[in-house]
Protein backbone atom coordinates (compact mmCIF):
# COMPACT_ATOMS: atom_id res chain seq x y z
CA MET A 1 -31.81 21.61 29.18
CA PRO A 2 -31.41 20.86 32.94
CA PHE A 3 -33.79 17.92 32.66
CA ARG A 4 -31.79 16.55 29.77
CA ILE A 5 -28.67 16.68 31.94
CA VAL A 6 -30.43 15.09 34.94
CA ALA A 7 -31.74 12.25 32.75
CA GLY A 8 -28.31 11.81 31.18
CA VAL A 9 -26.55 11.61 34.54
CA ILE A 10 -29.11 9.10 35.81
CA GLY A 11 -28.72 7.07 32.62
CA LEU A 12 -24.94 7.07 32.89
CA PHE A 13 -25.15 5.97 36.55
CA PHE A 14 -27.36 2.99 35.71
CA LEU A 15 -25.29 2.09 32.65
CA LEU A 16 -22.18 2.01 34.86
CA GLN A 17 -24.07 -0.13 37.40
CA GLY A 18 -24.86 -2.64 34.65
CA LEU A 19 -21.26 -2.70 33.44
CA ASN A 20 -20.07 -3.16 37.03
CA TRP A 21 -22.20 -6.32 37.26
CA LEU A 22 -20.27 -7.67 34.27
CA VAL A 23 -16.80 -6.60 35.48
CA ASP A 24 -17.06 -7.03 39.27
CA PRO A 25 -20.19 -9.02 40.11
CA ALA A 26 -19.09 -9.74 43.69
CA GLY A 27 -18.60 -6.02 44.41
CA ALA A 28 -21.84 -5.12 42.64
CA ALA A 29 -23.77 -7.71 44.65
CA ASP A 30 -22.21 -6.52 47.89
CA ALA A 31 -23.14 -2.91 47.10
CA LEU A 32 -26.78 -4.01 46.84
CA GLY A 33 -26.65 -6.04 50.06
CA MET A 34 -26.74 -9.49 48.50
CA PRO A 35 -24.35 -12.41 48.22
CA LEU A 36 -23.04 -13.47 44.85
CA LEU A 37 -24.83 -16.73 44.14
CA GLU A 38 -23.33 -19.92 42.68
CA GLY A 39 -24.04 -21.91 39.52
CA VAL A 40 -27.23 -21.14 37.60
CA GLY A 41 -28.22 -18.69 40.32
CA ARG A 42 -25.07 -16.65 39.58
CA SER A 43 -25.79 -16.73 35.86
CA THR A 44 -29.34 -15.53 36.48
CA GLN A 45 -28.24 -12.92 39.01
CA ILE A 46 -25.55 -11.40 36.79
CA GLY A 47 -27.54 -11.74 33.57
CA ASP A 48 -30.83 -10.38 34.86
CA ILE A 49 -29.45 -7.57 36.98
CA SER A 50 -26.84 -6.37 34.49
CA GLY A 51 -29.44 -6.56 31.71
CA PHE A 52 -31.88 -4.53 33.78
CA PHE A 53 -29.36 -1.80 34.63
CA LEU A 54 -27.94 -1.65 31.09
CA CYS A 55 -31.42 -1.36 29.60
CA LEU A 56 -32.55 1.22 32.16
CA GLY A 57 -29.41 3.29 31.63
CA GLY A 58 -29.69 2.97 27.87
CA PHE A 59 -33.33 4.09 27.90
CA ALA A 60 -32.49 7.17 29.99
CA LEU A 61 -29.43 8.09 27.94
CA PHE A 62 -31.23 7.60 24.63
CA GLY A 63 -34.19 9.64 25.84
CA ALA A 64 -31.88 12.43 27.02
CA TYR A 65 -29.87 12.39 23.81
CA ARG A 66 -32.91 12.40 21.52
CA LEU A 67 -35.08 14.54 23.84
CA ASP A 68 -37.65 11.78 23.50
CA PRO A 69 -40.07 11.57 26.43
CA THR A 70 -41.10 8.01 25.54
CA TRP A 71 -37.68 6.58 26.46
CA LEU A 72 -37.50 8.69 29.60
CA ARG A 73 -40.95 7.46 30.68
CA ALA A 74 -39.87 3.86 30.06
CA ALA A 75 -36.80 4.36 32.27
CA GLY A 76 -38.85 6.12 34.95
CA CYS A 77 -41.45 3.36 34.98
CA LEU A 78 -38.80 0.64 35.23
CA VAL A 79 -37.05 2.16 38.24
CA GLY A 80 -40.35 3.14 39.86
CA LEU A 81 -41.67 -0.37 39.49
CA VAL A 82 -38.68 -1.65 41.44
CA ALA A 83 -39.81 0.40 44.45
CA ILE A 84 -43.31 -1.03 44.10
CA THR A 85 -42.16 -4.63 43.79
CA ARG A 86 -39.75 -4.23 46.72
CA THR A 87 -42.71 -3.08 48.80
CA ILE A 88 -44.75 -6.07 47.65
CA ALA A 89 -41.83 -8.39 48.53
CA TRP A 90 -41.77 -6.87 52.02
CA GLY A 91 -45.53 -7.12 52.50
CA VAL A 92 -46.09 -10.55 51.00
CA HIS A 93 -42.81 -12.46 51.21
CA ASP A 94 -41.25 -11.25 54.48
CA ALA A 95 -38.39 -9.46 52.68
CA ALA A 96 -36.52 -6.60 54.31
CA PHE A 97 -37.84 -3.09 53.69
CA PRO A 98 -34.74 -1.15 52.52
CA VAL A 99 -35.96 2.43 52.94
CA GLU A 100 -32.80 3.98 51.46
CA PHE A 101 -33.13 1.95 48.23
CA ILE A 102 -36.86 2.56 47.93
CA VAL A 103 -36.49 6.30 48.47
CA ALA A 104 -33.69 6.42 45.87
CA GLU A 105 -35.86 4.52 43.38
CA VAL A 106 -38.90 6.74 43.96
CA VAL A 107 -36.79 9.90 43.60
CA THR A 108 -34.95 8.62 40.52
CA GLY A 109 -38.13 7.38 38.86
CA SER A 110 -39.86 10.67 39.62
CA LEU A 111 -36.97 12.70 38.18
CA LEU A 112 -37.08 10.66 34.98
CA LEU A 113 -40.85 11.09 34.68
CA ILE A 114 -40.56 14.83 35.36
CA ALA A 115 -37.79 15.07 32.75
CA ALA A 116 -40.06 13.24 30.29
CA SER A 117 -42.78 15.82 30.87
CA ARG A 118 -40.34 18.71 30.29
CA VAL A 119 -38.41 17.67 27.18
CA GLU A 120 -39.64 18.33 23.70
CA SER A 121 -41.46 15.57 21.89
CA PRO A 122 -39.61 14.33 18.83
CA THR A 123 -40.86 15.74 15.57
CA THR A 124 -42.12 13.36 12.95
CA GLU A 125 -41.30 14.07 9.35
């Protein structure tokens, strides 16, 4: 049960992040240390980032609700991959190395993967 709650809270957090990108994109961008772009860049920024957060939050919430480890693994892999690709961006493309974001992503991804390993698998009928 505690892992279900942890996954649900994480899912709700990411779902709210995605909704925030739709309601207050300038504030959401600022919270992530980026400017709100203009034109097609803004469309891509809001569309891609809100879609990512909504999907990630939905996966975690659905996995917690259904006690389905597959959805929790998907959410854990998505957020974990962000930490990996941030590191690649730093190493290959001279991007900043935001330790606080990377640590949060590694911890969150790990919690989702641990939750996936602890919840019951769905029964097939």
